């Protein structure tokens, strides 16, 4: 997903997406360990999407007291 996909989401939706991505990352790690991983590039995509969400959440928390 692109960064713009996450910008329009609310904080609750971001938290939910983060939980789903972490579960997917967990499953991908197991698939990788058992050599059943069909799309190795997905590991990288998920990791970067998690980072995007965490960055956006941090930006929102730091901007909230400034208002």
PDB file of N, CA and C in Angstrom:
ATOM      1  N   UNK A   1       0.837  -1.190   0.000  1.00  0.00           N
ATOM      2  CA  UNK A   1       0.000   0.000   0.000  1.00  0.00           C
ATOM      3  C   UNK A   1       0.876   1.245   0.000  1.00  0.00           C
ATOM      4  N   UNK A   2       0.343   2.284  -0.565  1.00  0.00           N
ATOM      5  CA  UNK A   2       1.069   3.544  -0.581  1.00  0.00           C
ATOM      6  C   UNK A   2       0.763   4.330   0.686  1.00  0.00           C
ATOM      7  N   UNK A   3       1.596   5.296   0.961  1.00  0.00           N
ATOM      8  CA  UNK A   3       1.408   6.116   2.148  1.00  0.00           C
ATOM      9  C   UNK A   3       0.055   6.816   2.109  1.00  0.00           C
ATOM     10  N   UNK A   4      -0.377   7.201   0.930  1.00  0.00           N
ATOM     11  CA  UNK A   4      -1.642   7.914   0.801  1.00  0.00           C
ATOM     12  C   UNK A   4      -2.827   7.039   1.199  1.00  0.00           C
ATOM     13  N   UNK A   5      -2.666   5.719   1.109  1.00  0.00           N
ATOM     14  CA  UNK A   5      -3.746   4.828   1.520  1.00  0.00           C
ATOM     15  C   UNK A   5      -3.982   4.898   3.025  1.00  0.00           C
ATOM     16  N   UNK A   6      -2.938   5.177   3.775  1.00  0.00           N
ATOM     17  CA  UNK A   6      -3.045   5.200   5.235  1.00  0.00           C
ATOM     18  C   UNK A   6      -3.404   6.581   5.773  1.00  0.00           C
ATOM     19  N   UNK A   7      -3.091   7.634   5.035  1.00  0.00           N
ATOM     20  CA  UNK A   7      -3.303   8.995   5.521  1.00  0.00           C
ATOM     21  C   UNK A   7      -4.778   9.282   5.770  1.00  0.00           C
ATOM     22  N   UNK A   8      -5.659   8.773   4.935  1.00  0.00           N
ATOM     23  CA  UNK A   8      -7.078   9.053   5.069  1.00  0.00           C
ATOM     24  C   UNK A   8      -7.786   8.254   6.147  1.00  0.00           C
ATOM     25  N   UNK A   9      -7.074   7.330   6.784  1.00  0.00           N
ATOM     26  CA  UNK A   9      -7.703   6.482   7.791  1.00  0.00           C
ATOM     27  C   UNK A   9      -7.689   7.134   9.171  1.00  0.00           C
ATOM     28  N   UNK A  10      -8.668   6.748   9.986  1.00  0.00           N
ATOM     29  CA  UNK A  10      -8.711   7.236  11.363  1.00  0.00           C
ATOM     30  C   UNK A  10      -7.702   6.462  12.204  1.00  0.00           C
ATOM     31  N   UNK A  11      -7.494   6.916  13.432  1.00  0.00           N
ATOM     32  CA  UNK A  11      -6.544   6.251  14.321  1.00  0.00           C
ATOM     33  C   UNK A  11      -6.962   4.811  14.607  1.00  0.00           C
ATOM     34  N   UNK A  12      -8.256   4.582  14.772  1.00  0.00           N
ATOM     35  CA  UNK A  12      -8.748   3.225  15.031  1.00  0.00           C
ATOM     36  C   UNK A  12      -8.520   2.315  13.825  1.00  0.00           C
ATOM     37  N   UNK A  13      -8.758   2.844  12.637  1.00  0.00           N
ATOM     38  CA  UNK A  13      -8.542   2.053  11.434  1.00  0.00           C
ATOM     39  C   UNK A  13      -7.060   1.735  11.255  1.00  0.00           C
ATOM     40  N   UNK A  14      -6.197   2.683  11.604  1.00  0.00           N
ATOM     41  CA  UNK A  14      -4.757   2.432  11.515  1.00  0.00           C
ATOM     42  C   UNK A  14      -4.340   1.333  12.484  1.00  0.00           C
ATOM     43  N   UNK A  15      -4.874   1.372  13.694  1.00  0.00           N
ATOM     44  CA  UNK A  15      -4.546   0.354  14.682  1.00  0.00           C
ATOM     45  C   UNK A  15      -5.006  -1.026  14.220  1.00  0.00           C
ATOM     46  N   UNK A  16      -6.180  -1.068  13.622  1.00  0.00           N
ATOM     47  CA  UNK A  16      -6.707  -2.335  13.107  1.00  0.00           C
ATOM     48  C   UNK A  16      -5.841  -2.854  11.956  1.00  0.00           C
ATOM     49  N   UNK A  17      -5.455  -1.966  11.055  1.00  0.00           N
ATOM     50  CA  UNK A  17      -4.587  -2.355   9.939  1.00  0.00           C
ATOM     51  C   UNK A  17      -3.243  -2.842  10.444  1.00  0.00           C
ATOM     52  N   UNK A  18      -2.727  -2.183  11.469  1.00  0.00           N
ATOM     53  CA  UNK A  18      -1.449  -2.584  12.045  1.00  0.00           C
ATOM     54  C   UNK A  18      -1.538  -3.987  12.633  1.00  0.00           C
ATOM     55  N   UNK A  19      -2.626  -4.273  13.324  1.00  0.00           N
ATOM     56  CA  UNK A  19      -2.824  -5.609  13.883  1.00  0.00           C
ATOM     57  C   UNK A  19      -2.897  -6.678  12.795  1.00  0.00           C
ATOM     58  N   UNK A  20      -3.606  -6.374  11.724  1.00  0.00           N
ATOM     59  CA  UNK A  20      -3.716  -7.330  10.617  1.00  0.00           C
ATOM     60  C   UNK A  20      -2.362  -7.568   9.958  1.00  0.00           C
ATOM     61  N   UNK A  21      -1.603  -6.503   9.771  1.00  0.00           N
ATOM     62  CA  UNK A  21      -0.290  -6.639   9.147  1.00  0.00           C
ATOM     63  C   UNK A  21       0.674  -7.422  10.029  1.00  0.00           C
ATOM     64  N   UNK A  22       0.589  -7.212  11.338  1.00  0.00           N
ATOM     65  CA  UNK A  22       1.468  -7.959  12.250  1.00  0.00           C
ATOM     66  C   UNK A  22       1.130  -9.450  12.235  1.00  0.00           C
ATOM     67  N   UNK A  23      -0.165  -9.773  12.139  1.00  0.00           N
ATOM     68  CA  UNK A  23      -0.565 -11.182  12.033  1.00  0.00           C
ATOM     69  C   UNK A  23      -0.054 -11.780  10.728  1.00  0.00           C
ATOM     70  N   UNK A  24      -0.162 -11.003   9.648  1.00  0.00           N
ATOM     71  CA  UNK A  24       0.329 -11.483   8.361  1.00  0.00           C
ATOM     72  C   UNK A  24       1.840 -11.679   8.398  1.00  0.00           C
ATOM     73  N   UNK A  25       2.540 -10.762   9.047  1.00  0.00           N
ATOM     74  CA  UNK A  25       3.992 -10.880   9.168  1.00  0.00           C
ATOM     75  C   UNK A  25       4.360 -12.145   9.944  1.00  0.00           C
ATOM     76  N   UNK A  26       3.623 -12.432  11.000  1.00  0.00           N
ATOM     77  CA  UNK A  26       3.840 -13.637  11.795  1.00  0.00           C
ATOM     78  C   UNK A  26       3.668 -14.882  10.930  1.00  0.00           C
ATOM     79  N   UNK A  27       2.578 -14.916  10.143  1.00  0.00           N
ATOM     80  CA  UNK A  27       2.318 -16.064   9.268  1.00  0.00           C
ATOM     81  C   UNK A  27       3.386 -16.198   8.185  1.00  0.00           C
ATOM     82  N   UNK A  28       3.835 -15.075   7.652  1.00  0.00           N
ATOM     83  CA  UNK A  28       4.871 -15.110   6.625  1.00  0.00           C
ATOM     84  C   UNK A  28       6.194 -15.643   7.183  1.00  0.00           C
ATOM     85  N   UNK A  29       6.484 -15.307   8.433  1.00  0.00           N
ATOM     86  CA  UNK A  29       7.709 -15.831   9.061  1.00  0.00           C
ATOM     87  C   UNK A  29       7.646 -17.344   9.179  1.00  0.00           C
ATOM     88  N   UNK A  30       6.477 -17.864   9.554  1.00  0.00           N
ATOM     89  CA  UNK A  30       6.323 -19.317   9.651  1.00  0.00           C
ATOM     90  C   UNK A  30       6.451 -19.975   8.278  1.00  0.00           C
ATOM     91  N   UNK A  31       5.832 -19.371   7.277  1.00  0.00           N
ATOM     92  CA  UNK A  31       5.932 -19.916   5.932  1.00  0.00           C
ATOM     93  C   UNK A  31       7.379 -19.911   5.457  1.00  0.00           C
ATOM     94  N   UNK A  32       8.092 -18.863   5.797  1.00  0.00           N
ATOM     95  CA  UNK A  32       9.501 -18.764   5.398  1.00  0.00           C
ATOM     96  C   UNK A  32      10.342 -19.841   6.091  1.00  0.00           C
ATOM     97  N   UNK A  33      10.060 -20.083   7.358  1.00  0.00           N
ATOM     98  CA  UNK A  33      10.826 -21.071   8.121  1.00  0.00           C
ATOM     99  C   UNK A  33      10.579 -22.486   7.614  1.00  0.00           C
ATOM    100  N   UNK A  34       9.386 -22.732   7.095  1.00  0.00           N
ATOM    101  CA  UNK A  34       9.062 -24.076   6.607  1.00  0.00           C
ATOM    102  C   UNK A  34       9.207 -24.184   5.088  1.00  0.00           C
ATOM    103  N   UNK A  35       9.825 -23.186   4.483  1.00  0.00           N
ATOM    104  CA  UNK A  35      10.050 -23.147   3.037  1.00  0.00           C
ATOM    105  C   UNK A  35       8.767 -23.270   2.225  1.00  0.00           C
ATOM    106  N   UNK A  36       7.700 -22.658   2.683  1.00  0.00           N
ATOM    107  CA  UNK A  36       6.423 -22.675   1.974  1.00  0.00           C
ATOM    108  C   UNK A  36       6.035 -21.281   1.487  1.00  0.00           C
ATOM    109  N   UNK A  37       6.973 -20.365   1.515  1.00  0.00           N
ATOM    110  CA  UNK A  37       6.698 -18.985   1.143  1.00  0.00           C
ATOM    111  C   UNK A  37       6.582 -18.865  -0.377  1.00  0.00           C
ATOM    112  N   UNK A  38       5.398 -18.435  -0.844  1.00  0.00           N
ATOM    113  CA  UNK A  38       5.161 -18.339  -2.282  1.00  0.00           C
ATOM    114  C   UNK A  38       5.674 -17.026  -2.863  1.00  0.00           C
ATOM    115  N   UNK A  39       5.570 -15.959  -2.099  1.00  0.00           N
ATOM    116  CA  UNK A  39       5.945 -14.643  -2.607  1.00  0.00           C
ATOM    117  C   UNK A  39       6.868 -13.951  -1.589  1.00  0.00           C
ATOM    118  N   UNK A  40       8.168 -14.182  -1.689  1.00  0.00           N
ATOM    119  CA  UNK A  40       9.113 -13.614  -0.719  1.00  0.00           C
ATOM    120  C   UNK A  40       9.085 -12.087  -0.639  1.00  0.00           C
ATOM    121  N   UNK A  41       8.711 -11.426  -1.701  1.00  0.00           N
ATOM    122  CA  UNK A  41       8.682  -9.959  -1.687  1.00  0.00           C
ATOM    123  C   UNK A  41       7.592  -9.421  -0.757  1.00  0.00           C
ATOM    124  N   UNK A  42       6.614 -10.246  -0.448  1.00  0.00           N
ATOM    125  CA  UNK A  42       5.514  -9.812   0.431  1.00  0.00           C
ATOM    126  C   UNK A  42       6.022  -9.512   1.840  1.00  0.00           C
ATOM    127  N   UNK A  43       7.069 -10.218   2.273  1.00  0.00           N
ATOM    128  CA  UNK A  43       7.650  -9.989   3.599  1.00  0.00           C
ATOM    129  C   UNK A  43       8.121  -8.534   3.700  1.00  0.00           C
ATOM    130  N   UNK A  44       8.800  -8.089   2.666  1.00  0.00           N
ATOM    131  CA  UNK A  44       9.318  -6.725   2.637  1.00  0.00           C
ATOM    132  C   UNK A  44       8.182  -5.706   2.592  1.00  0.00           C
ATOM    133  N   UNK A  45       7.157  -5.972   1.784  1.00  0.00           N
ATOM    134  CA  UNK A  45       6.020  -5.058   1.669  1.00  0.00           C
ATOM    135  C   UNK A  45       5.318  -4.884   3.010  1.00  0.00           C
ATOM    136  N   UNK A  46       5.094  -6.001   3.697  1.00  0.00           N
ATOM    137  CA  UNK A  46       4.397  -5.960   4.985  1.00  0.00           C
ATOM    138  C   UNK A  46       5.226  -5.184   6.000  1.00  0.00           C
ATOM    139  N   UNK A  47       6.525  -5.447   6.024  1.00  0.00           N
ATOM    140  CA  UNK A  47       7.396  -4.758   6.978  1.00  0.00           C
ATOM    141  C   UNK A  47       7.376  -3.247   6.739  1.00  0.00           C
ATOM    142  N   UNK A  48       7.382  -2.847   5.483  1.00  0.00           N
ATOM    143  CA  UNK A  48       7.369  -1.414   5.167  1.00  0.00           C
ATOM    144  C   UNK A  48       6.013  -0.776   5.467  1.00  0.00           C
ATOM    145  N   UNK A  49       4.930  -1.519   5.235  1.00  0.00           N
ATOM    146  CA  UNK A  49       3.603  -0.993   5.566  1.00  0.00           C
ATOM    147  C   UNK A  49       3.466  -0.790   7.073  1.00  0.00           C
ATOM    148  N   UNK A  50       4.007  -1.716   7.857  1.00  0.00           N
ATOM    149  CA  UNK A  50       3.988  -1.573   9.315  1.00  0.00           C
ATOM    150  C   UNK A  50       4.749  -0.312   9.708  1.00  0.00           C
ATOM    151  N   UNK A  51       5.897  -0.094   9.103  1.00  0.00           N
ATOM    152  CA  UNK A  51       6.688   1.102   9.400  1.00  0.00           C
ATOM    153  C   UNK A  51       5.937   2.371   9.011  1.00  0.00           C
ATOM    154  N   UNK A  52       5.238   2.331   7.879  1.00  0.00           N
ATOM    155  CA  UNK A  52       4.465   3.505   7.446  1.00  0.00           C
ATOM    156  C   UNK A  52       3.386   3.852   8.467  1.00  0.00           C
ATOM    157  N   UNK A  53       2.683   2.829   8.940  1.00  0.00           N
ATOM    158  CA  UNK A  53       1.604   3.069   9.911  1.00  0.00           C
ATOM    159  C   UNK A  53       2.180   3.605  11.211  1.00  0.00           C
ATOM    160  N   UNK A  54       3.254   3.003  11.694  1.00  0.00           N
ATOM    161  CA  UNK A  54       3.856   3.463  12.949  1.00  0.00           C
ATOM    162  C   UNK A  54       4.362   4.900  12.834  1.00  0.00           C
ATOM    163  N   UNK A  55       4.928   5.244  11.681  1.00  0.00           N
ATOM    164  CA  UNK A  55       5.399   6.608  11.461  1.00  0.00           C
ATOM    165  C   UNK A  55       4.234   7.583  11.473  1.00  0.00           C
ATOM    166  N   UNK A  56       3.165   7.227  10.798  1.00  0.00           N
ATOM    167  CA  UNK A  56       1.987   8.084  10.752  1.00  0.00           C
ATOM    168  C   UNK A  56       1.379   8.260  12.140  1.00  0.00           C
ATOM    169  N   UNK A  57       1.322   7.179  12.913  1.00  0.00           N
ATOM    170  CA  UNK A  57       0.793   7.273  14.274  1.00  0.00           C
ATOM    171  C   UNK A  57       1.671   8.183  15.130  1.00  0.00           C
ATOM    172  N   UNK A  58       2.980   8.072  14.988  1.00  0.00           N
ATOM    173  CA  UNK A  58       3.896   8.916  15.760  1.00  0.00           C
ATOM    174  C   UNK A  58       3.737  10.381  15.369  1.00  0.00           C
ATOM    175  N   UNK A  59       3.564  10.648  14.095  1.00  0.00           N
ATOM    176  CA  UNK A  59       3.368  12.024  13.637  1.00  0.00           C
ATOM    177  C   UNK A  59       2.080  12.600  14.200  1.00  0.00           C
ATOM    178  N   UNK A  60       1.051  11.787  14.220  1.00  0.00           N
ATOM    179  CA  UNK A  60      -0.236  12.272  14.742  1.00  0.00           C
ATOM    180  C   UNK A  60      -0.158  12.522  16.237  1.00  0.00           C
ATOM    181  N   UNK A  61       0.551  11.695  16.974  1.00  0.00           N
ATOM    182  CA  UNK A  61       0.647  11.905  18.414  1.00  0.00           C
ATOM    183  C   UNK A  61       1.489  13.125  18.727  1.00  0.00           C
ATOM    184  N   UNK A  62       2.530  13.365  17.976  1.00  0.00           N
ATOM    185  CA  UNK A  62       3.355  14.540  18.225  1.00  0.00           C
ATOM    186  C   UNK A  62       2.644  15.820  17.790  1.00  0.00           C
ATOM    187  N   UNK A  63       1.758  15.732  16.817  1.00  0.00           N
ATOM    188  CA  UNK A  63       1.022  16.910  16.360  1.00  0.00           C
ATOM    189  C   UNK A  63      -0.181  17.205  17.231  1.00  0.00           C
ATOM    190  N   UNK A  64      -0.702  16.227  17.947  1.00  0.00           N
ATOM    191  CA  UNK A  64      -1.915  16.419  18.753  1.00  0.00           C
ATOM    192  C   UNK A  64      -1.736  17.465  19.859  1.00  0.00           C
ATOM    193  N   UNK A  65      -0.656  17.442  20.661  1.00  0.00           N
ATOM    194  CA  UNK A  65      -0.515  18.464  21.708  1.00  0.00           C
ATOM    195  C   UNK A  65      -0.291  19.885  21.145  1.00  0.00           C
ATOM    196  N   UNK A  66       0.191  19.974  19.925  1.00  0.00           N
ATOM    197  CA  UNK A  66       0.477  21.283  19.328  1.00  0.00           C
ATOM    198  C   UNK A  66      -0.805  22.046  18.984  1.00  0.00           C
ATOM    199  N   UNK A  67      -1.909  21.352  18.881  1.00  0.00           N
ATOM    200  CA  UNK A  67      -3.172  22.005  18.510  1.00  0.00           C
ATOM    201  C   UNK A  67      -3.747  22.795  19.644  1.00  0.00           C
TER     202      UNK A  67
END
